[in-house]
Amino acid sequence: MRAALVALGALVLSGSAAAQPAGDFGTTPGTTATPKGGANESLGAGAAAWAKRPNAQGQMREQDYLDELARQYAVAQKLVGAALTEKDRGRIRSAISRDLIAWRTQYDPRRSEYSRMRENWLVDEGALSPEGWARQRVEWLRAQQEWILARHGG
């Protein structure tokens, strides 16, 4: 598991987007900007993306979760600097909400810790521009990865 966390850390820190997106929020291979300049209509990591082969407690195998986190990070990075619309603002915020739920389900942080993370990363929708939300998700996924390394990195 430590090797998987180190590899994920290297991906995050290097800014590499080598992981191939698949599904909502880039989950459709070849996601491109629409002619209106907004991101693909299927923007947003569906709940199914975070629910691959869950156990009885709703948790994924550790490696599956880390793989999905790396994939979500790579997809989120591609949105920074992309042509985004006002509609994308809510979609990206919703993706952060789903990310938080997946993280809580997988790692069961203390209630106070979860609340603090949620307050830090899931601010009012109007507080950030679509580009700001794209950056917010990248930073949240990076913070999540650092949290995992600090507590489960061995």
N, C-alpha and C. Protein backbone atom coordinates (compact mmCIF):
# COMPACT_ATOMS: atom_id res chain seq x y z
N MET A 1 0.83 -1.18 0.00
CA MET A 1 0.00 0.00 0.00
C MET A 1 0.88 1.25 0.00
N ARG A 2 1.99 1.21 0.71
CA ARG A 2 2.87 2.38 0.75
C ARG A 2 3.37 2.72 -0.65
N ALA A 3 3.70 1.71 -1.43
CA ALA A 3 4.17 1.97 -2.80
C ALA A 3 3.09 2.65 -3.62
N ALA A 4 1.83 2.24 -3.44
CA ALA A 4 0.73 2.85 -4.18
C ALA A 4 0.55 4.30 -3.76
N LEU A 5 0.68 4.59 -2.48
CA LEU A 5 0.55 5.97 -2.00
C LEU A 5 1.70 6.83 -2.50
N VAL A 6 2.90 6.28 -2.52
CA VAL A 6 4.05 7.03 -3.03
C VAL A 6 3.87 7.32 -4.51
N ALA A 7 3.39 6.33 -5.26
CA ALA A 7 3.15 6.54 -6.69
C ALA A 7 2.09 7.60 -6.91
N LEU A 8 1.02 7.55 -6.12
CA LEU A 8 -0.03 8.56 -6.23
C LEU A 8 0.53 9.93 -5.88
N GLY A 9 1.35 9.99 -4.85
CA GLY A 9 1.97 11.25 -4.46
C GLY A 9 2.84 11.81 -5.57
N ALA A 10 3.58 10.95 -6.22
CA ALA A 10 4.42 11.40 -7.34
C ALA A 10 3.56 11.97 -8.46
N LEU A 11 2.45 11.32 -8.74
CA LEU A 11 1.54 11.81 -9.78
C LEU A 11 1.00 13.18 -9.41
N VAL A 12 0.56 13.33 -8.19
CA VAL A 12 -0.02 14.60 -7.75
C VAL A 12 1.03 15.69 -7.75
N LEU A 13 2.18 15.42 -7.18
CA LEU A 13 3.20 16.45 -7.07
C LEU A 13 3.82 16.82 -8.41
N SER A 14 3.88 15.87 -9.32
CA SER A 14 4.46 16.18 -10.62
C SER A 14 3.49 16.91 -11.52
N GLY A 15 2.21 16.86 -11.17
CA GLY A 15 1.21 17.50 -12.02
C GLY A 15 0.93 16.69 -13.26
N SER A 16 1.35 15.45 -13.26
CA SER A 16 1.16 14.60 -14.43
C SER A 16 -0.31 14.28 -14.62
N ALA A 17 -0.74 14.34 -15.84
CA ALA A 17 -2.12 13.97 -16.18
C ALA A 17 -2.09 12.73 -17.04
N ALA A 18 -1.22 11.80 -16.70
CA ALA A 18 -1.07 10.60 -17.52
C ALA A 18 -2.26 9.67 -17.42
N ALA A 19 -3.00 9.71 -16.32
CA ALA A 19 -4.16 8.84 -16.20
C ALA A 19 -5.20 9.21 -17.24
N GLN A 20 -5.81 8.23 -17.83
CA GLN A 20 -6.81 8.47 -18.86
C GLN A 20 -8.18 8.61 -18.24
N PRO A 21 -8.90 9.69 -18.52
CA PRO A 21 -10.23 9.86 -17.95
C PRO A 21 -11.22 8.89 -18.56
N ALA A 22 -12.23 8.53 -17.77
CA ALA A 22 -13.32 7.69 -18.25
C ALA A 22 -14.53 7.94 -17.38
N GLY A 23 -15.65 8.36 -17.90
CA GLY A 23 -16.88 8.59 -17.14
C GLY A 23 -17.15 10.05 -16.94
N ASP A 24 -18.10 10.39 -16.10
CA ASP A 24 -18.44 11.79 -15.89
C ASP A 24 -17.28 12.54 -15.28
N PHE A 25 -17.22 13.82 -15.54
CA PHE A 25 -16.12 14.71 -15.19
C PHE A 25 -14.89 14.22 -15.89
N GLY A 26 -15.09 13.94 -17.17
CA GLY A 26 -14.01 13.43 -17.96
C GLY A 26 -14.10 11.94 -18.12
N THR A 27 -15.20 11.34 -17.72
CA THR A 27 -15.28 9.90 -17.80
C THR A 27 -15.58 9.41 -19.20
N THR A 28 -15.90 10.29 -20.09
CA THR A 28 -16.07 9.92 -21.48
C THR A 28 -14.75 10.18 -22.19
N PRO A 29 -14.10 9.11 -22.69
CA PRO A 29 -12.82 9.34 -23.34
C PRO A 29 -12.93 10.41 -24.42
N GLY A 30 -11.93 11.28 -24.48
CA GLY A 30 -11.92 12.32 -25.50
C GLY A 30 -12.79 13.50 -25.16
N THR A 31 -13.04 13.77 -23.89
CA THR A 31 -13.84 14.91 -23.48
C THR A 31 -13.23 16.18 -24.05
N THR A 32 -14.06 16.98 -24.70
CA THR A 32 -13.59 18.23 -25.28
C THR A 32 -14.55 19.34 -24.92
N ALA A 33 -14.12 20.56 -25.16
CA ALA A 33 -15.00 21.70 -24.92
C ALA A 33 -16.10 21.72 -25.98
N THR A 34 -17.29 22.10 -25.57
CA THR A 34 -18.40 22.20 -26.50
C THR A 34 -18.24 23.46 -27.34
N PRO A 35 -18.97 23.56 -28.45
CA PRO A 35 -18.85 24.76 -29.28
C PRO A 35 -19.17 26.05 -28.52
N LYS A 36 -20.00 25.97 -27.46
CA LYS A 36 -20.34 27.15 -26.67
C LYS A 36 -19.18 27.56 -25.78
N GLY A 37 -18.13 26.77 -25.74
CA GLY A 37 -16.98 27.09 -24.91
C GLY A 37 -17.02 26.47 -23.53
N GLY A 38 -18.10 25.79 -23.19
CA GLY A 38 -18.18 25.14 -21.89
C GLY A 38 -17.55 23.77 -21.94
N ALA A 39 -17.40 23.18 -20.77
CA ALA A 39 -16.85 21.84 -20.71
C ALA A 39 -17.91 20.85 -21.15
N ASN A 40 -17.49 19.63 -21.40
CA ASN A 40 -18.38 18.57 -21.84
C ASN A 40 -19.61 18.49 -20.94
N GLU A 41 -20.75 18.19 -21.50
CA GLU A 41 -22.01 18.12 -20.74
C GLU A 41 -21.98 17.04 -19.66
N SER A 42 -21.13 16.05 -19.78
CA SER A 42 -21.09 14.99 -18.78
C SER A 42 -20.09 15.29 -17.67
N LEU A 43 -19.79 16.57 -17.47
CA LEU A 43 -18.85 17.00 -16.45
C LEU A 43 -19.31 16.52 -15.09
N GLY A 44 -18.44 15.94 -14.33
CA GLY A 44 -18.79 15.54 -12.97
C GLY A 44 -18.57 14.07 -12.76
N ALA A 45 -17.81 13.72 -11.71
CA ALA A 45 -17.54 12.32 -11.43
C ALA A 45 -18.79 11.71 -10.83
N GLY A 46 -19.40 10.82 -11.55
CA GLY A 46 -20.60 10.16 -11.05
C GLY A 46 -20.29 9.37 -9.80
N ALA A 47 -21.31 9.14 -9.00
CA ALA A 47 -21.12 8.38 -7.78
C ALA A 47 -20.57 6.99 -8.08
N ALA A 48 -20.91 6.45 -9.23
CA ALA A 48 -20.42 5.12 -9.60
C ALA A 48 -18.91 5.10 -9.73
N ALA A 49 -18.30 6.22 -10.12
CA ALA A 49 -16.85 6.26 -10.25
C ALA A 49 -16.17 6.00 -8.92
N TRP A 50 -16.80 6.42 -7.83
CA TRP A 50 -16.22 6.22 -6.51
C TRP A 50 -16.74 4.95 -5.84
N ALA A 51 -17.53 4.16 -6.51
CA ALA A 51 -18.13 2.99 -5.88
C ALA A 51 -17.75 1.69 -6.57
N LYS A 52 -16.55 1.59 -7.03
CA LYS A 52 -16.09 0.37 -7.70
C LYS A 52 -15.88 -0.73 -6.67
N ARG A 53 -16.60 -1.81 -6.83
CA ARG A 53 -16.45 -2.99 -5.99
C ARG A 53 -16.38 -2.70 -4.50
N PRO A 54 -17.39 -2.01 -3.95
CA PRO A 54 -17.35 -1.71 -2.52
C PRO A 54 -17.58 -2.97 -1.68
N ASN A 55 -17.07 -2.96 -0.45
CA ASN A 55 -17.34 -4.06 0.48
C ASN A 55 -18.65 -3.77 1.22
N ALA A 56 -18.94 -4.53 2.25
CA ALA A 56 -20.20 -4.37 2.99
C ALA A 56 -20.33 -2.99 3.65
N GLN A 57 -19.21 -2.36 3.96
CA GLN A 57 -19.24 -1.04 4.58
C GLN A 57 -19.26 0.08 3.53
N GLY A 58 -19.30 -0.28 2.25
CA GLY A 58 -19.32 0.70 1.18
C GLY A 58 -17.94 1.20 0.79
N GLN A 59 -16.91 0.56 1.33
CA GLN A 59 -15.55 0.97 1.02
C GLN A 59 -15.00 0.19 -0.17
N MET A 60 -14.12 0.85 -0.92
CA MET A 60 -13.45 0.22 -2.04
C MET A 60 -12.17 -0.44 -1.53
N ARG A 61 -11.63 -1.35 -2.33
CA ARG A 61 -10.29 -1.84 -2.03
C ARG A 61 -9.37 -0.62 -2.05
N GLU A 62 -8.38 -0.62 -1.19
CA GLU A 62 -7.49 0.54 -1.08
C GLU A 62 -6.89 0.92 -2.44
N GLN A 63 -6.39 -0.06 -3.18
CA GLN A 63 -5.77 0.24 -4.46
C GLN A 63 -6.77 0.81 -5.45
N ASP A 64 -8.00 0.29 -5.45
CA ASP A 64 -9.04 0.83 -6.34
C ASP A 64 -9.32 2.29 -6.02
N TYR A 65 -9.38 2.59 -4.72
CA TYR A 65 -9.65 3.98 -4.32
C TYR A 65 -8.51 4.90 -4.76
N LEU A 66 -7.28 4.47 -4.52
CA LEU A 66 -6.13 5.29 -4.90
C LEU A 66 -6.05 5.48 -6.41
N ASP A 67 -6.37 4.43 -7.15
CA ASP A 67 -6.39 4.54 -8.62
C ASP A 67 -7.44 5.54 -9.06
N GLU A 68 -8.62 5.48 -8.46
CA GLU A 68 -9.69 6.40 -8.82
C GLU A 68 -9.33 7.83 -8.41
N LEU A 69 -8.70 8.00 -7.28
CA LEU A 69 -8.26 9.33 -6.85
C LEU A 69 -7.26 9.91 -7.86
N ALA A 70 -6.33 9.11 -8.31
CA ALA A 70 -5.36 9.58 -9.31
C ALA A 70 -6.05 9.94 -10.61
N ARG A 71 -7.03 9.14 -11.01
CA ARG A 71 -7.77 9.42 -12.25
C ARG A 71 -8.57 10.71 -12.11
N GLN A 72 -9.23 10.88 -11.00
CA GLN A 72 -10.02 12.10 -10.77
C GLN A 72 -9.11 13.32 -10.75
N TYR A 73 -7.94 13.18 -10.15
CA TYR A 73 -6.99 14.30 -10.10
C TYR A 73 -6.55 14.69 -11.52
N ALA A 74 -6.22 13.70 -12.33
CA ALA A 74 -5.78 13.99 -13.70
C ALA A 74 -6.88 14.67 -14.50
N VAL A 75 -8.10 14.23 -14.34
CA VAL A 75 -9.23 14.84 -15.05
C VAL A 75 -9.46 16.26 -14.55
N ALA A 76 -9.38 16.46 -13.23
CA ALA A 76 -9.58 17.79 -12.65
C ALA A 76 -8.53 18.76 -13.15
N GLN A 77 -7.30 18.31 -13.28
CA GLN A 77 -6.23 19.18 -13.77
C GLN A 77 -6.51 19.68 -15.18
N LYS A 78 -7.12 18.83 -15.99
CA LYS A 78 -7.41 19.22 -17.38
C LYS A 78 -8.43 20.34 -17.46
N LEU A 79 -9.24 20.51 -16.42
CA LEU A 79 -10.25 21.57 -16.43
C LEU A 79 -9.67 22.94 -16.10
N VAL A 80 -8.54 22.96 -15.39
CA VAL A 80 -7.90 24.23 -15.06
C VAL A 80 -7.38 24.85 -16.35
N GLY A 81 -7.86 26.03 -16.65
CA GLY A 81 -7.46 26.72 -17.87
C GLY A 81 -8.33 26.38 -19.07
N ALA A 82 -9.27 25.43 -18.92
CA ALA A 82 -10.18 25.08 -20.01
C ALA A 82 -11.29 26.13 -20.10
N ALA A 83 -11.96 26.16 -21.23
CA ALA A 83 -13.09 27.07 -21.40
C ALA A 83 -14.27 26.51 -20.60
N LEU A 84 -14.62 27.18 -19.52
CA LEU A 84 -15.71 26.73 -18.65
C LEU A 84 -16.83 27.75 -18.66
N THR A 85 -18.04 27.27 -18.43
CA THR A 85 -19.21 28.14 -18.39
C THR A 85 -19.71 28.25 -16.96
N GLU A 86 -20.70 29.10 -16.76
CA GLU A 86 -21.32 29.24 -15.44
C GLU A 86 -21.94 27.91 -14.99
N LYS A 87 -22.46 27.13 -15.92
CA LYS A 87 -23.04 25.83 -15.59
C LYS A 87 -21.99 24.90 -14.98
N ASP A 88 -20.77 25.03 -15.46
CA ASP A 88 -19.69 24.18 -14.96
C ASP A 88 -19.38 24.45 -13.50
N ARG A 89 -19.63 25.65 -13.05
CA ARG A 89 -19.39 26.02 -11.65
C ARG A 89 -20.10 25.03 -10.73
N GLY A 90 -21.39 24.82 -10.94
CA GLY A 90 -22.17 23.90 -10.11
C GLY A 90 -21.76 22.45 -10.30
N ARG A 91 -21.41 22.10 -11.51
CA ARG A 91 -21.00 20.72 -11.77
C ARG A 91 -19.71 20.38 -11.04
N ILE A 92 -18.77 21.30 -11.07
CA ILE A 92 -17.49 21.04 -10.40
C ILE A 92 -17.69 21.01 -8.89
N ARG A 93 -18.51 21.93 -8.38
CA ARG A 93 -18.80 21.94 -6.94
C ARG A 93 -19.46 20.62 -6.52
N SER A 94 -20.38 20.12 -7.35
CA SER A 94 -21.03 18.84 -7.06
C SER A 94 -20.02 17.69 -7.07
N ALA A 95 -19.04 17.77 -7.96
CA ALA A 95 -18.00 16.74 -7.99
C ALA A 95 -17.20 16.75 -6.69
N ILE A 96 -16.90 17.95 -6.17
CA ILE A 96 -16.19 18.04 -4.88
C ILE A 96 -17.05 17.42 -3.78
N SER A 97 -18.34 17.67 -3.81
CA SER A 97 -19.24 17.09 -2.82
C SER A 97 -19.19 15.56 -2.88
N ARG A 98 -19.23 15.00 -4.09
CA ARG A 98 -19.14 13.54 -4.24
C ARG A 98 -17.77 13.03 -3.79
N ASP A 99 -16.72 13.79 -4.08
CA ASP A 99 -15.38 13.40 -3.62
C ASP A 99 -15.33 13.32 -2.10
N LEU A 100 -15.92 14.32 -1.44
CA LEU A 100 -15.93 14.35 0.02
C LEU A 100 -16.68 13.15 0.59
N ILE A 101 -17.81 12.82 -0.01
CA ILE A 101 -18.59 11.67 0.46
C ILE A 101 -17.80 10.39 0.28
N ALA A 102 -17.14 10.24 -0.86
CA ALA A 102 -16.34 9.04 -1.11
C ALA A 102 -15.20 8.93 -0.10
N TRP A 103 -14.54 10.06 0.16
CA TRP A 103 -13.45 10.08 1.13
C TRP A 103 -13.95 9.71 2.52
N ARG A 104 -15.09 10.28 2.91
CA ARG A 104 -15.66 9.97 4.23
C ARG A 104 -16.03 8.49 4.33
N THR A 105 -16.62 7.95 3.27
CA THR A 105 -17.00 6.54 3.27
C THR A 105 -15.78 5.64 3.35
N GLN A 106 -14.74 5.99 2.62
CA GLN A 106 -13.54 5.16 2.56
C GLN A 106 -12.72 5.20 3.84
N TYR A 107 -12.54 6.38 4.42
CA TYR A 107 -11.60 6.54 5.53
C TYR A 107 -12.23 6.87 6.88
N ASP A 108 -13.50 7.15 6.92
CA ASP A 108 -14.21 7.42 8.16
C ASP A 108 -13.46 8.39 9.08
N PRO A 109 -13.19 9.60 8.59
CA PRO A 109 -12.52 10.58 9.46
C PRO A 109 -13.44 10.99 10.60
N ARG A 110 -12.87 11.56 11.65
CA ARG A 110 -13.70 12.07 12.74
C ARG A 110 -14.68 13.09 12.19
N ARG A 111 -15.82 13.17 12.84
CA ARG A 111 -16.86 14.11 12.39
C ARG A 111 -16.32 15.53 12.29
N SER A 112 -15.56 15.95 13.28
CA SER A 112 -15.03 17.32 13.27
C SER A 112 -14.05 17.52 12.12
N GLU A 113 -13.28 16.51 11.82
CA GLU A 113 -12.31 16.60 10.72
C GLU A 113 -13.04 16.68 9.37
N TYR A 114 -14.07 15.84 9.22
CA TYR A 114 -14.85 15.87 7.99
C TYR A 114 -15.53 17.23 7.83
N SER A 115 -16.11 17.73 8.90
CA SER A 115 -16.80 19.03 8.84
C SER A 115 -15.83 20.14 8.47
N ARG A 116 -14.64 20.12 9.04
CA ARG A 116 -13.64 21.13 8.73
C ARG A 116 -13.23 21.06 7.25
N MET A 117 -13.00 19.85 6.75
CA MET A 117 -12.63 19.69 5.34
C MET A 117 -13.76 20.17 4.44
N ARG A 118 -14.98 19.80 4.78
CA ARG A 118 -16.13 20.20 3.97
C ARG A 118 -16.27 21.73 3.95
N GLU A 119 -16.12 22.35 5.10
CA GLU A 119 -16.21 23.82 5.17
C GLU A 119 -15.09 24.49 4.37
N ASN A 120 -13.91 23.91 4.40
CA ASN A 120 -12.77 24.49 3.67
C ASN A 120 -12.92 24.37 2.15
N TRP A 121 -13.42 23.25 1.69
CA TRP A 121 -13.40 22.97 0.25
C TRP A 121 -14.73 23.16 -0.44
N LEU A 122 -15.83 23.07 0.26
CA LEU A 122 -17.15 23.17 -0.36
C LEU A 122 -17.80 24.49 0.06
N VAL A 123 -17.21 25.58 -0.38
CA VAL A 123 -17.72 26.91 -0.04
C VAL A 123 -18.97 27.20 -0.89
N ASP A 124 -19.58 28.35 -0.64
CA ASP A 124 -20.76 28.77 -1.40
C ASP A 124 -20.46 28.77 -2.89
N GLU A 125 -21.38 28.28 -3.69
CA GLU A 125 -21.17 28.17 -5.13
C GLU A 125 -20.77 29.48 -5.78
N GLY A 126 -21.37 30.58 -5.34
CA GLY A 126 -21.07 31.87 -5.93
C GLY A 126 -19.75 32.49 -5.49
N ALA A 127 -19.09 31.86 -4.54
CA ALA A 127 -17.84 32.41 -4.03
C ALA A 127 -16.68 32.29 -5.01
N LEU A 128 -16.78 31.36 -5.94
CA LEU A 128 -15.70 31.12 -6.90
C LEU A 128 -16.22 31.15 -8.33
N SER A 129 -15.37 31.55 -9.23
CA SER A 129 -15.68 31.49 -10.66
C SER A 129 -15.59 30.03 -11.11
N PRO A 130 -16.06 29.71 -12.31
CA PRO A 130 -15.88 28.34 -12.80
C PRO A 130 -14.40 27.92 -12.77
N GLU A 131 -13.51 28.82 -13.18
CA GLU A 131 -12.07 28.53 -13.13
C GLU A 131 -11.62 28.33 -11.68
N GLY A 132 -12.15 29.13 -10.78
CA GLY A 132 -11.82 29.00 -9.36
C GLY A 132 -12.25 27.64 -8.82
N TRP A 133 -13.44 27.18 -9.25
CA TRP A 133 -13.91 25.87 -8.82
C TRP A 133 -13.03 24.76 -9.39
N ALA A 134 -12.57 24.92 -10.63
CA ALA A 134 -11.67 23.92 -11.21
C ALA A 134 -10.39 23.82 -10.38
N ARG A 135 -9.84 24.97 -10.01
CA ARG A 135 -8.63 24.99 -9.17
C ARG A 135 -8.93 24.43 -7.77
N GLN A 136 -10.10 24.77 -7.24
CA GLN A 136 -10.50 24.29 -5.91
C GLN A 136 -10.54 22.77 -5.88
N ARG A 137 -11.04 22.15 -6.94
CA ARG A 137 -11.12 20.69 -6.95
C ARG A 137 -9.72 20.07 -7.02
N VAL A 138 -8.85 20.64 -7.83
CA VAL A 138 -7.49 20.13 -7.90
C VAL A 138 -6.83 20.22 -6.52
N GLU A 139 -6.99 21.35 -5.88
CA GLU A 139 -6.39 21.54 -4.55
C GLU A 139 -7.01 20.60 -3.51
N TRP A 140 -8.34 20.38 -3.60
CA TRP A 140 -8.99 19.46 -2.67
C TRP A 140 -8.47 18.04 -2.87
N LEU A 141 -8.37 17.60 -4.12
CA LEU A 141 -7.88 16.24 -4.37
C LEU A 141 -6.44 16.09 -3.90
N ARG A 142 -5.64 17.13 -4.05
CA ARG A 142 -4.26 17.11 -3.54
C ARG A 142 -4.27 17.04 -2.01
N ALA A 143 -5.11 17.82 -1.36
CA ALA A 143 -5.21 17.80 0.11
C ALA A 143 -5.68 16.43 0.60
N GLN A 144 -6.60 15.83 -0.13
CA GLN A 144 -7.08 14.50 0.24
C GLN A 144 -5.93 13.49 0.17
N GLN A 145 -5.16 13.56 -0.89
CA GLN A 145 -4.04 12.66 -1.06
C GLN A 145 -3.03 12.85 0.08
N GLU A 146 -2.75 14.08 0.46
CA GLU A 146 -1.83 14.36 1.56
C GLU A 146 -2.39 13.83 2.88
N TRP A 147 -3.69 13.96 3.07
CA TRP A 147 -4.34 13.43 4.28
C TRP A 147 -4.15 11.92 4.34
N ILE A 148 -4.37 11.25 3.22
CA ILE A 148 -4.22 9.78 3.17
C ILE A 148 -2.78 9.39 3.48
N LEU A 149 -1.82 10.07 2.87
CA LEU A 149 -0.41 9.77 3.12
C LEU A 149 -0.05 9.95 4.59
N ALA A 150 -0.56 11.03 5.20
CA ALA A 150 -0.24 11.33 6.60
C ALA A 150 -0.80 10.28 7.55
N ARG A 151 -1.94 9.71 7.22
CA ARG A 151 -2.59 8.78 8.14
C ARG A 151 -2.46 7.31 7.78
N HIS A 152 -2.27 7.02 6.50
CA HIS A 152 -2.25 5.63 6.06
C HIS A 152 -1.01 5.30 5.24
N GLY A 153 -0.06 6.21 5.22
CA GLY A 153 1.14 6.00 4.40
C GLY A 153 2.16 5.06 5.01
N GLY A 154 1.91 4.62 6.20
CA GLY A 154 2.76 3.62 6.83
C GLY A 154 3.91 4.20 7.55
